[in-house]
């Protein structure tokens, strides 16, 4: 199971999907498990890549969940911050980068 956010009232998008369509949520989770098992990337690398995607799409819930997972895989706050900062000037402007940096600090400090 994914560890969730440090936020007390956090509900993951997968949990929300499970309320409407439990069989689809189970299938989606199976897809994620299979994707994690494919290839040679280490867990921390996979989590930092996921963080970049969630930051780029401004998906706060996904970012928070994978921020926690990245930390459990060995990433520190500076690793997460660098992942987000690398997006500056590519697919993200200043505000979304600063927003994601705030989410990271809330989760990891």
PDB file of N, CA and C in Angstrom:
ATOM      1  N   UNK A   1       0.841  -1.193   0.000  1.00  0.00           N
ATOM      2  CA  UNK A   1       0.000   0.000   0.000  1.00  0.00           C
ATOM      3  C   UNK A   1       0.878   1.245   0.000  1.00  0.00           C
ATOM      4  N   UNK A   2       0.369   2.273  -0.650  1.00  0.00           N
ATOM      5  CA  UNK A   2       1.055   3.551  -0.656  1.00  0.00           C
ATOM      6  C   UNK A   2       0.931   4.199   0.711  1.00  0.00           C
ATOM      7  N   UNK A   3       2.028   4.679   1.268  1.00  0.00           N
ATOM      8  CA  UNK A   3       1.860   5.531   2.450  1.00  0.00           C
ATOM      9  C   UNK A   3       1.243   6.839   1.989  1.00  0.00           C
ATOM     10  N   UNK A   4       0.413   7.401   2.803  1.00  0.00           N
ATOM     11  CA  UNK A   4      -0.253   8.635   2.417  1.00  0.00           C
ATOM     12  C   UNK A   4       0.475   9.842   2.970  1.00  0.00           C
ATOM     13  N   UNK A   5      -0.094  10.964   2.750  1.00  0.00           N
ATOM     14  CA  UNK A   5       0.443  12.248   3.171  1.00  0.00           C
ATOM     15  C   UNK A   5       0.482  12.370   4.688  1.00  0.00           C
ATOM     16  N   UNK A   6       1.267  13.307   5.149  1.00  0.00           N
ATOM     17  CA  UNK A   6       1.268  13.652   6.563  1.00  0.00           C
ATOM     18  C   UNK A   6       0.014  14.443   6.948  1.00  0.00           C
ATOM     19  N   UNK A   7      -0.738  14.904   5.969  1.00  0.00           N
ATOM     20  CA  UNK A   7      -1.924  15.698   6.239  1.00  0.00           C
ATOM     21  C   UNK A   7      -3.003  14.821   6.888  1.00  0.00           C
ATOM     22  N   UNK A   8      -3.647  15.319   7.921  1.00  0.00           N
ATOM     23  CA  UNK A   8      -4.633  14.547   8.687  1.00  0.00           C
ATOM     24  C   UNK A   8      -5.862  14.159   7.872  1.00  0.00           C
ATOM     25  N   UNK A   9      -6.283  15.014   6.971  1.00  0.00           N
ATOM     26  CA  UNK A   9      -7.529  14.770   6.255  1.00  0.00           C
ATOM     27  C   UNK A   9      -7.312  14.342   4.806  1.00  0.00           C
ATOM     28  N   UNK A  10      -6.151  13.805   4.491  1.00  0.00           N
ATOM     29  CA  UNK A  10      -5.807  13.458   3.120  1.00  0.00           C
ATOM     30  C   UNK A  10      -6.573  12.228   2.637  1.00  0.00           C
ATOM     31  N   UNK A  11      -7.162  12.328   1.441  1.00  0.00           N
ATOM     32  CA  UNK A  11      -7.792  11.199   0.767  1.00  0.00           C
ATOM     33  C   UNK A  11      -7.164  11.111  -0.618  1.00  0.00           C
ATOM     34  N   UNK A  12      -6.605   9.964  -0.953  1.00  0.00           N
ATOM     35  CA  UNK A  12      -5.922   9.822  -2.243  1.00  0.00           C
ATOM     36  C   UNK A  12      -6.937   9.768  -3.383  1.00  0.00           C
ATOM     37  N   UNK A  13      -6.454  10.082  -4.576  1.00  0.00           N
ATOM     38  CA  UNK A  13      -7.303   9.976  -5.757  1.00  0.00           C
ATOM     39  C   UNK A  13      -7.729   8.533  -5.989  1.00  0.00           C
ATOM     40  N   UNK A  14      -6.861   7.578  -5.676  1.00  0.00           N
ATOM     41  CA  UNK A  14      -7.207   6.171  -5.818  1.00  0.00           C
ATOM     42  C   UNK A  14      -8.348   5.806  -4.866  1.00  0.00           C
ATOM     43  N   UNK A  15      -8.311   6.316  -3.652  1.00  0.00           N
ATOM     44  CA  UNK A  15      -9.407   6.069  -2.710  1.00  0.00           C
ATOM     45  C   UNK A  15     -10.714   6.683  -3.213  1.00  0.00           C
ATOM     46  N   UNK A  16     -10.628   7.852  -3.813  1.00  0.00           N
ATOM     47  CA  UNK A  16     -11.836   8.481  -4.370  1.00  0.00           C
ATOM     48  C   UNK A  16     -12.395   7.658  -5.522  1.00  0.00           C
ATOM     49  N   UNK A  17     -11.498   7.144  -6.373  1.00  0.00           N
ATOM     50  CA  UNK A  17     -11.932   6.287  -7.471  1.00  0.00           C
ATOM     51  C   UNK A  17     -12.552   5.006  -6.930  1.00  0.00           C
ATOM     52  N   UNK A  18     -11.953   4.455  -5.877  1.00  0.00           N
ATOM     53  CA  UNK A  18     -12.454   3.215  -5.274  1.00  0.00           C
ATOM     54  C   UNK A  18     -13.888   3.373  -4.770  1.00  0.00           C
ATOM     55  N   UNK A  19     -14.255   4.566  -4.300  1.00  0.00           N
ATOM     56  CA  UNK A  19     -15.621   4.809  -3.827  1.00  0.00           C
ATOM     57  C   UNK A  19     -16.635   4.691  -4.964  1.00  0.00           C
ATOM     58  N   UNK A  20     -16.241   5.071  -6.171  1.00  0.00           N
ATOM     59  CA  UNK A  20     -17.146   5.061  -7.317  1.00  0.00           C
ATOM     60  C   UNK A  20     -17.073   3.746  -8.074  1.00  0.00           C
ATOM     61  N   UNK A  21     -15.863   3.258  -8.299  1.00  0.00           N
ATOM     62  CA  UNK A  21     -15.660   2.077  -9.133  1.00  0.00           C
ATOM     63  C   UNK A  21     -14.527   1.228  -8.563  1.00  0.00           C
ATOM     64  N   UNK A  22     -14.825   0.420  -7.554  1.00  0.00           N
ATOM     65  CA  UNK A  22     -13.772  -0.336  -6.887  1.00  0.00           C
ATOM     66  C   UNK A  22     -12.988  -1.266  -7.820  1.00  0.00           C
ATOM     67  N   UNK A  23     -13.649  -1.856  -8.778  1.00  0.00           N
ATOM     68  CA  UNK A  23     -12.938  -2.767  -9.676  1.00  0.00           C
ATOM     69  C   UNK A  23     -11.958  -2.026 -10.580  1.00  0.00           C
ATOM     70  N   UNK A  24     -12.288  -0.816 -10.969  1.00  0.00           N
ATOM     71  CA  UNK A  24     -11.378  -0.008 -11.781  1.00  0.00           C
ATOM     72  C   UNK A  24     -10.197   0.462 -10.926  1.00  0.00           C
ATOM     73  N   UNK A  25     -10.463   0.828  -9.689  1.00  0.00           N
ATOM     74  CA  UNK A  25      -9.381   1.228  -8.780  1.00  0.00           C
ATOM     75  C   UNK A  25      -8.407   0.068  -8.563  1.00  0.00           C
ATOM     76  N   UNK A  26      -8.935  -1.138  -8.398  1.00  0.00           N
ATOM     77  CA  UNK A  26      -8.074  -2.310  -8.221  1.00  0.00           C
ATOM     78  C   UNK A  26      -7.235  -2.555  -9.475  1.00  0.00           C
ATOM     79  N   UNK A  27      -7.850  -2.419 -10.641  1.00  0.00           N
ATOM     80  CA  UNK A  27      -7.111  -2.604 -11.896  1.00  0.00           C
ATOM     81  C   UNK A  27      -6.038  -1.531 -12.062  1.00  0.00           C
ATOM     82  N   UNK A  28      -6.363  -0.296 -11.725  1.00  0.00           N
ATOM     83  CA  UNK A  28      -5.380   0.785 -11.818  1.00  0.00           C
ATOM     84  C   UNK A  28      -4.205   0.511 -10.892  1.00  0.00           C
ATOM     85  N   UNK A  29      -4.501   0.081  -9.680  1.00  0.00           N
ATOM     86  CA  UNK A  29      -3.426  -0.226  -8.718  1.00  0.00           C
ATOM     87  C   UNK A  29      -2.539  -1.344  -9.262  1.00  0.00           C
ATOM     88  N   UNK A  30      -3.153  -2.346  -9.892  1.00  0.00           N
ATOM     89  CA  UNK A  30      -2.379  -3.423 -10.505  1.00  0.00           C
ATOM     90  C   UNK A  30      -1.462  -2.914 -11.602  1.00  0.00           C
ATOM     91  N   UNK A  31      -1.945  -1.956 -12.384  1.00  0.00           N
ATOM     92  CA  UNK A  31      -1.123  -1.338 -13.425  1.00  0.00           C
ATOM     93  C   UNK A  31       0.086  -0.649 -12.807  1.00  0.00           C
ATOM     94  N   UNK A  32      -0.132   0.085 -11.725  1.00  0.00           N
ATOM     95  CA  UNK A  32       0.977   0.788 -11.057  1.00  0.00           C
ATOM     96  C   UNK A  32       1.999  -0.203 -10.496  1.00  0.00           C
ATOM     97  N   UNK A  33       1.533  -1.304  -9.910  1.00  0.00           N
ATOM     98  CA  UNK A  33       2.448  -2.309  -9.377  1.00  0.00           C
ATOM     99  C   UNK A  33       3.285  -2.897 -10.505  1.00  0.00           C
ATOM    100  N   UNK A  34       2.647  -3.218 -11.631  1.00  0.00           N
ATOM    101  CA  UNK A  34       3.368  -3.780 -12.773  1.00  0.00           C
ATOM    102  C   UNK A  34       4.364  -2.779 -13.342  1.00  0.00           C
ATOM    103  N   UNK A  35       3.989  -1.506 -13.404  1.00  0.00           N
ATOM    104  CA  UNK A  35       4.882  -0.476 -13.919  1.00  0.00           C
ATOM    105  C   UNK A  35       6.095  -0.306 -13.006  1.00  0.00           C
ATOM    106  N   UNK A  36       5.883  -0.341 -11.706  1.00  0.00           N
ATOM    107  CA  UNK A  36       7.002  -0.237 -10.763  1.00  0.00           C
ATOM    108  C   UNK A  36       7.968  -1.403 -10.921  1.00  0.00           C
ATOM    109  N   UNK A  37       7.449  -2.587 -11.238  1.00  0.00           N
ATOM    110  CA  UNK A  37       8.287  -3.782 -11.357  1.00  0.00           C
ATOM    111  C   UNK A  37       9.038  -3.839 -12.687  1.00  0.00           C
ATOM    112  N   UNK A  38       8.608  -3.076 -13.668  1.00  0.00           N
ATOM    113  CA  UNK A  38       9.220  -3.115 -14.990  1.00  0.00           C
ATOM    114  C   UNK A  38      10.497  -2.280 -15.002  1.00  0.00           C
ATOM    115  N   UNK A  39      11.529  -2.752 -15.649  1.00  0.00           N
ATOM    116  CA  UNK A  39      12.739  -1.953 -15.830  1.00  0.00           C
ATOM    117  C   UNK A  39      13.688  -1.999 -14.661  1.00  0.00           C
ATOM    118  N   UNK A  40      14.687  -1.132 -14.736  1.00  0.00           N
ATOM    119  CA  UNK A  40      15.786  -1.194 -13.771  1.00  0.00           C
ATOM    120  C   UNK A  40      15.918   0.041 -12.881  1.00  0.00           C
ATOM    121  N   UNK A  41      14.999   0.968 -12.955  1.00  0.00           N
ATOM    122  CA  UNK A  41      15.108   2.153 -12.104  1.00  0.00           C
ATOM    123  C   UNK A  41      14.945   1.765 -10.639  1.00  0.00           C
ATOM    124  N   UNK A  42      15.737   2.386  -9.806  1.00  0.00           N
ATOM    125  CA  UNK A  42      15.649   2.178  -8.366  1.00  0.00           C
ATOM    126  C   UNK A  42      14.408   2.891  -7.824  1.00  0.00           C
ATOM    127  N   UNK A  43      13.886   2.439  -6.669  1.00  0.00           N
ATOM    128  CA  UNK A  43      12.684   3.061  -6.111  1.00  0.00           C
ATOM    129  C   UNK A  43      12.777   4.586  -5.966  1.00  0.00           C
ATOM    130  N   UNK A  44      13.912   5.101  -5.476  1.00  0.00           N
ATOM    131  CA  UNK A  44      14.020   6.552  -5.305  1.00  0.00           C
ATOM    132  C   UNK A  44      13.951   7.260  -6.656  1.00  0.00           C
ATOM    133  N   UNK A  45      14.595   6.712  -7.673  1.00  0.00           N
ATOM    134  CA  UNK A  45      14.535   7.316  -9.007  1.00  0.00           C
ATOM    135  C   UNK A  45      13.101   7.343  -9.520  1.00  0.00           C
ATOM    136  N   UNK A  46      12.396   6.229  -9.360  1.00  0.00           N
ATOM    137  CA  UNK A  46      11.000   6.166  -9.811  1.00  0.00           C
ATOM    138  C   UNK A  46      10.150   7.211  -9.097  1.00  0.00           C
ATOM    139  N   UNK A  47      10.339   7.332  -7.801  1.00  0.00           N
ATOM    140  CA  UNK A  47       9.527   8.283  -7.035  1.00  0.00           C
ATOM    141  C   UNK A  47       9.823   9.730  -7.424  1.00  0.00           C
ATOM    142  N   UNK A  48      11.087  10.058  -7.669  1.00  0.00           N
ATOM    143  CA  UNK A  48      11.417  11.425  -8.073  1.00  0.00           C
ATOM    144  C   UNK A  48      10.829  11.736  -9.447  1.00  0.00           C
ATOM    145  N   UNK A  49      10.822  10.758 -10.336  1.00  0.00           N
ATOM    146  CA  UNK A  49      10.196  10.958 -11.645  1.00  0.00           C
ATOM    147  C   UNK A  49       8.695  11.186 -11.480  1.00  0.00           C
ATOM    148  N   UNK A  50       8.079  10.389 -10.614  1.00  0.00           N
ATOM    149  CA  UNK A  50       6.641  10.578 -10.350  1.00  0.00           C
ATOM    150  C   UNK A  50       6.381  11.988  -9.795  1.00  0.00           C
ATOM    151  N   UNK A  51       7.256  12.445  -8.914  1.00  0.00           N
ATOM    152  CA  UNK A  51       7.091  13.790  -8.348  1.00  0.00           C
ATOM    153  C   UNK A  51       7.147  14.852  -9.433  1.00  0.00           C
ATOM    154  N   UNK A  52       8.057  14.691 -10.374  1.00  0.00           N
ATOM    155  CA  UNK A  52       8.151  15.660 -11.470  1.00  0.00           C
ATOM    156  C   UNK A  52       6.839  15.696 -12.255  1.00  0.00           C
ATOM    157  N   UNK A  53       6.292  14.534 -12.536  1.00  0.00           N
ATOM    158  CA  UNK A  53       5.024  14.489 -13.265  1.00  0.00           C
ATOM    159  C   UNK A  53       3.879  15.118 -12.489  1.00  0.00           C
ATOM    160  N   UNK A  54       3.803  14.817 -11.208  1.00  0.00           N
ATOM    161  CA  UNK A  54       2.724  15.387 -10.400  1.00  0.00           C
ATOM    162  C   UNK A  54       2.901  16.891 -10.216  1.00  0.00           C
ATOM    163  N   UNK A  55       4.128  17.348 -10.087  1.00  0.00           N
ATOM    164  CA  UNK A  55       4.363  18.797  -9.988  1.00  0.00           C
ATOM    165  C   UNK A  55       3.969  19.476 -11.294  1.00  0.00           C
ATOM    166  N   UNK A  56       4.341  18.870 -12.423  1.00  0.00           N
ATOM    167  CA  UNK A  56       4.048  19.465 -13.728  1.00  0.00           C
ATOM    168  C   UNK A  56       2.548  19.564 -13.986  1.00  0.00           C
ATOM    169  N   UNK A  57       1.789  18.613 -13.464  1.00  0.00           N
ATOM    170  CA  UNK A  57       0.334  18.644 -13.663  1.00  0.00           C
ATOM    171  C   UNK A  57      -0.395  19.294 -12.492  1.00  0.00           C
ATOM    172  N   UNK A  58       0.374  19.762 -11.517  1.00  0.00           N
ATOM    173  CA  UNK A  58      -0.166  20.432 -10.327  1.00  0.00           C
ATOM    174  C   UNK A  58      -1.155  19.541  -9.578  1.00  0.00           C
ATOM    175  N   UNK A  59      -0.805  18.246  -9.509  1.00  0.00           N
ATOM    176  CA  UNK A  59      -1.618  17.260  -8.804  1.00  0.00           C
ATOM    177  C   UNK A  59      -1.091  17.150  -7.374  1.00  0.00           C
ATOM    178  N   UNK A  60      -1.677  17.952  -6.501  1.00  0.00           N
ATOM    179  CA  UNK A  60      -1.188  18.021  -5.123  1.00  0.00           C
ATOM    180  C   UNK A  60      -1.286  16.687  -4.400  1.00  0.00           C
ATOM    181  N   UNK A  61      -2.398  15.991  -4.537  1.00  0.00           N
ATOM    182  CA  UNK A  61      -2.567  14.719  -3.841  1.00  0.00           C
ATOM    183  C   UNK A  61      -1.520  13.699  -4.252  1.00  0.00           C
ATOM    184  N   UNK A  62      -1.336  13.529  -5.558  1.00  0.00           N
ATOM    185  CA  UNK A  62      -0.329  12.599  -6.041  1.00  0.00           C
ATOM    186  C   UNK A  62       1.065  13.009  -5.610  1.00  0.00           C
ATOM    187  N   UNK A  63       1.341  14.310  -5.647  1.00  0.00           N
ATOM    188  CA  UNK A  63       2.648  14.802  -5.230  1.00  0.00           C
ATOM    189  C   UNK A  63       2.906  14.459  -3.773  1.00  0.00           C
ATOM    190  N   UNK A  64       1.930  14.689  -2.922  1.00  0.00           N
ATOM    191  CA  UNK A  64       2.117  14.426  -1.492  1.00  0.00           C
ATOM    192  C   UNK A  64       2.353  12.946  -1.221  1.00  0.00           C
ATOM    193  N   UNK A  65       1.570  12.075  -1.846  1.00  0.00           N
ATOM    194  CA  UNK A  65       1.742  10.638  -1.647  1.00  0.00           C
ATOM    195  C   UNK A  65       3.139  10.202  -2.079  1.00  0.00           C
ATOM    196  N   UNK A  66       3.558  10.649  -3.263  1.00  0.00           N
ATOM    197  CA  UNK A  66       4.854  10.207  -3.775  1.00  0.00           C
ATOM    198  C   UNK A  66       6.020  10.932  -3.110  1.00  0.00           C
ATOM    199  N   UNK A  67       5.768  12.065  -2.501  1.00  0.00           N
ATOM    200  CA  UNK A  67       6.787  12.739  -1.702  1.00  0.00           C
ATOM    201  C   UNK A  67       7.120  11.866  -0.489  1.00  0.00           C
ATOM    202  N   UNK A  68       6.098  11.353   0.139  1.00  0.00           N
ATOM    203  CA  UNK A  68       6.278  10.457   1.271  1.00  0.00           C
ATOM    204  C   UNK A  68       6.998   9.185   0.834  1.00  0.00           C
ATOM    205  N   UNK A  69       6.596   8.630  -0.295  1.00  0.00           N
ATOM    206  CA  UNK A  69       7.239   7.413  -0.805  1.00  0.00           C
ATOM    207  C   UNK A  69       8.694   7.683  -1.185  1.00  0.00           C
ATOM    208  N   UNK A  70       8.965   8.848  -1.765  1.00  0.00           N
ATOM    209  CA  UNK A  70      10.344   9.194  -2.124  1.00  0.00           C
ATOM    210  C   UNK A  70      11.216   9.248  -0.874  1.00  0.00           C
ATOM    211  N   UNK A  71      10.693   9.841   0.180  1.00  0.00           N
ATOM    212  CA  UNK A  71      11.444   9.911   1.435  1.00  0.00           C
ATOM    213  C   UNK A  71      11.702   8.515   1.983  1.00  0.00           C
ATOM    214  N   UNK A  72      10.708   7.649   1.914  1.00  0.00           N
ATOM    215  CA  UNK A  72      10.889   6.276   2.392  1.00  0.00           C
ATOM    216  C   UNK A  72      11.902   5.509   1.538  1.00  0.00           C
ATOM    217  N   UNK A  73      12.059   5.918   0.270  1.00  0.00           N
ATOM    218  CA  UNK A  73      13.023   5.271  -0.626  1.00  0.00           C
ATOM    219  C   UNK A  73      14.422   5.881  -0.498  1.00  0.00           C
ATOM    220  N   UNK A  74      14.572   6.883   0.380  1.00  0.00           N
ATOM    221  CA  UNK A  74      15.893   7.448   0.636  1.00  0.00           C
ATOM    222  C   UNK A  74      16.103   8.873   0.164  1.00  0.00           C
ATOM    223  N   UNK A  75      15.110   9.469  -0.470  1.00  0.00           N
ATOM    224  CA  UNK A  75      15.248  10.852  -0.929  1.00  0.00           C
ATOM    225  C   UNK A  75      15.116  11.814   0.243  1.00  0.00           C
ATOM    226  N   UNK A  76      15.947  12.826   0.231  1.00  0.00           N
ATOM    227  CA  UNK A  76      15.848  13.883   1.222  1.00  0.00           C
ATOM    228  C   UNK A  76      15.112  15.085   0.639  1.00  0.00           C
ATOM    229  N   UNK A  77      14.863  16.045   1.477  1.00  0.00           N
ATOM    230  CA  UNK A  77      14.175  17.253   1.038  1.00  0.00           C
ATOM    231  C   UNK A  77      14.913  17.901  -0.129  1.00  0.00           C
ATOM    232  N   UNK A  78      16.237  17.954  -0.076  1.00  0.00           N
ATOM    233  CA  UNK A  78      17.002  18.585  -1.151  1.00  0.00           C
ATOM    234  C   UNK A  78      16.831  17.834  -2.475  1.00  0.00           C
ATOM    235  N   UNK A  79      16.744  16.515  -2.438  1.00  0.00           N
ATOM    236  CA  UNK A  79      16.506  15.730  -3.658  1.00  0.00           C
ATOM    237  C   UNK A  79      15.154  16.089  -4.277  1.00  0.00           C
ATOM    238  N   UNK A  80      14.150  16.180  -3.427  1.00  0.00           N
ATOM    239  CA  UNK A  80      12.806  16.512  -3.896  1.00  0.00           C
ATOM    240  C   UNK A  80      12.777  17.942  -4.432  1.00  0.00           C
ATOM    241  N   UNK A  81      13.401  18.852  -3.703  1.00  0.00           N
ATOM    242  CA  UNK A  81      13.435  20.242  -4.162  1.00  0.00           C
ATOM    243  C   UNK A  81      14.154  20.357  -5.504  1.00  0.00           C
ATOM    244  N   UNK A  82      15.270  19.660  -5.672  1.00  0.00           N
ATOM    245  CA  UNK A  82      15.984  19.732  -6.947  1.00  0.00           C
ATOM    246  C   UNK A  82      15.135  19.164  -8.081  1.00  0.00           C
ATOM    247  N   UNK A  83      14.421  18.098  -7.826  1.00  0.00           N
ATOM    248  CA  UNK A  83      13.531  17.520  -8.832  1.00  0.00           C
ATOM    249  C   UNK A  83      12.521  18.550  -9.298  1.00  0.00           C
ATOM    250  N   UNK A  84      11.940  19.268  -8.360  1.00  0.00           N
ATOM    251  CA  UNK A  84      10.949  20.295  -8.700  1.00  0.00           C
ATOM    252  C   UNK A  84      11.625  21.481  -9.385  1.00  0.00           C
ATOM    253  N   UNK A  85      12.745  21.920  -8.857  1.00  0.00           N
ATOM    254  CA  UNK A  85      13.432  23.080  -9.425  1.00  0.00           C
ATOM    255  C   UNK A  85      13.912  22.835 -10.855  1.00  0.00           C
ATOM    256  N   UNK A  86      14.248  21.597 -11.184  1.00  0.00           N
ATOM    257  CA  UNK A  86      14.677  21.283 -12.547  1.00  0.00           C
ATOM    258  C   UNK A  86      13.569  21.548 -13.574  1.00  0.00           C
ATOM    259  N   UNK A  87      12.335  21.578 -13.121  1.00  0.00           N
ATOM    260  CA  UNK A  87      11.209  21.854 -14.015  1.00  0.00           C
ATOM    261  C   UNK A  87      11.069  23.333 -14.339  1.00  0.00           C
ATOM    262  N   UNK A  88      11.708  24.172 -13.525  1.00  0.00           N
ATOM    263  CA  UNK A  88      11.609  25.615 -13.719  1.00  0.00           C
ATOM    264  C   UNK A  88      12.175  25.995 -15.087  1.00  0.00           C
ATOM    265  N   UNK A  89      11.358  26.629 -15.876  1.00  0.00           N
ATOM    266  CA  UNK A  89      11.789  27.050 -17.205  1.00  0.00           C
ATOM    267  C   UNK A  89      11.612  25.988 -18.270  1.00  0.00           C
ATOM    268  N   UNK A  90      11.147  24.797 -17.887  1.00  0.00           N
ATOM    269  CA  UNK A  90      10.867  23.771 -18.891  1.00  0.00           C
ATOM    270  C   UNK A  90       9.369  23.725 -19.103  1.00  0.00           C
ATOM    271  N   UNK A  91       8.695  22.922 -18.316  1.00  0.00           N
ATOM    272  CA  UNK A  91       7.244  22.816 -18.455  1.00  0.00           C
ATOM    273  C   UNK A  91       6.499  23.648 -17.422  1.00  0.00           C
ATOM    274  N   UNK A  92       7.207  24.195 -16.460  1.00  0.00           N
ATOM    275  CA  UNK A  92       6.539  24.951 -15.395  1.00  0.00           C
ATOM    276  C   UNK A  92       7.079  26.362 -15.264  1.00  0.00           C
ATOM    277  N   UNK A  93       6.203  27.237 -14.886  1.00  0.00           N
ATOM    278  CA  UNK A  93       6.596  28.593 -14.544  1.00  0.00           C
ATOM    279  C   UNK A  93       6.905  28.682 -13.062  1.00  0.00           C
ATOM    280  N   UNK A  94       7.128  29.880 -12.601  1.00  0.00           N
ATOM    281  CA  UNK A  94       7.549  30.110 -11.221  1.00  0.00           C
ATOM    282  C   UNK A  94       6.494  29.667 -10.205  1.00  0.00           C
ATOM    283  N   UNK A  95       5.238  30.046 -10.406  1.00  0.00           N
ATOM    284  CA  UNK A  95       4.224  29.740  -9.390  1.00  0.00           C
ATOM    285  C   UNK A  95       4.054  28.247  -9.133  1.00  0.00           C
ATOM    286  N   UNK A  96       3.879  27.396 -10.165  1.00  0.00           N
ATOM    287  CA  UNK A  96       3.728  25.965  -9.877  1.00  0.00           C
ATOM    288  C   UNK A  96       4.957  25.347  -9.211  1.00  0.00           C
ATOM    289  N   UNK A  97       6.135  25.828  -9.529  1.00  0.00           N
ATOM    290  CA  UNK A  97       7.343  25.320  -8.883  1.00  0.00           C
ATOM    291  C   UNK A  97       7.336  25.694  -7.409  1.00  0.00           C
ATOM    292  N   UNK A  98       7.046  26.935  -7.099  1.00  0.00           N
ATOM    293  CA  UNK A  98       7.009  27.378  -5.702  1.00  0.00           C
ATOM    294  C   UNK A  98       5.899  26.645  -4.943  1.00  0.00           C
ATOM    295  N   UNK A  99       4.772  26.423  -5.598  1.00  0.00           N
ATOM    296  CA  UNK A  99       3.667  25.684  -4.988  1.00  0.00           C
ATOM    297  C   UNK A  99       4.116  24.267  -4.610  1.00  0.00           C
ATOM    298  N   UNK A 100       4.757  23.564  -5.534  1.00  0.00           N
ATOM    299  CA  UNK A 100       5.217  22.198  -5.269  1.00  0.00           C
ATOM    300  C   UNK A 100       6.307  22.174  -4.202  1.00  0.00           C
ATOM    301  N   UNK A 101       7.165  23.185  -4.183  1.00  0.00           N
ATOM    302  CA  UNK A 101       8.178  23.268  -3.127  1.00  0.00           C
ATOM    303  C   UNK A 101       7.504  23.377  -1.755  1.00  0.00           C
ATOM    304  N   UNK A 102       6.417  24.112  -1.693  1.00  0.00           N
ATOM    305  CA  UNK A 102       5.667  24.226  -0.437  1.00  0.00           C
ATOM    306  C   UNK A 102       5.078  22.894  -0.005  1.00  0.00           C
ATOM    307  N   UNK A 103       4.519  22.148  -0.958  1.00  0.00           N
ATOM    308  CA  UNK A 103       3.973  20.825  -0.630  1.00  0.00           C
ATOM    309  C   UNK A 103       5.079  19.920  -0.091  1.00  0.00           C
ATOM    310  N   UNK A 104       6.242  19.976  -0.729  1.00  0.00           N
ATOM    311  CA  UNK A 104       7.371  19.139  -0.298  1.00  0.00           C
ATOM    312  C   UNK A 104       7.782  19.478   1.122  1.00  0.00           C
ATOM    313  N   UNK A 105       7.888  20.738   1.425  1.00  0.00           N
ATOM    314  CA  UNK A 105       8.292  21.145   2.790  1.00  0.00           C
ATOM    315  C   UNK A 105       7.244  20.732   3.811  1.00  0.00           C
ATOM    316  N   UNK A 106       5.962  20.831   3.454  1.00  0.00           N
ATOM    317  CA  UNK A 106       4.920  20.394   4.386  1.00  0.00           C
ATOM    318  C   UNK A 106       5.003  18.897   4.653  1.00  0.00           C
ATOM    319  N   UNK A 107       5.369  18.136   3.661  1.00  0.00           N
ATOM    320  CA  UNK A 107       5.439  16.687   3.812  1.00  0.00           C
ATOM    321  C   UNK A 107       6.710  16.211   4.495  1.00  0.00           C
ATOM    322  N   UNK A 108       7.821  16.894   4.235  1.00  0.00           N
ATOM    323  CA  UNK A 108       9.115  16.364   4.671  1.00  0.00           C
ATOM    324  C   UNK A 108       9.755  17.097   5.839  1.00  0.00           C
ATOM    325  N   UNK A 109       9.145  18.150   6.330  1.00  0.00           N
ATOM    326  CA  UNK A 109       9.725  18.838   7.487  1.00  0.00           C
ATOM    327  C   UNK A 109       8.752  18.842   8.637  1.00  0.00           C
TER     328      UNK A 109
END
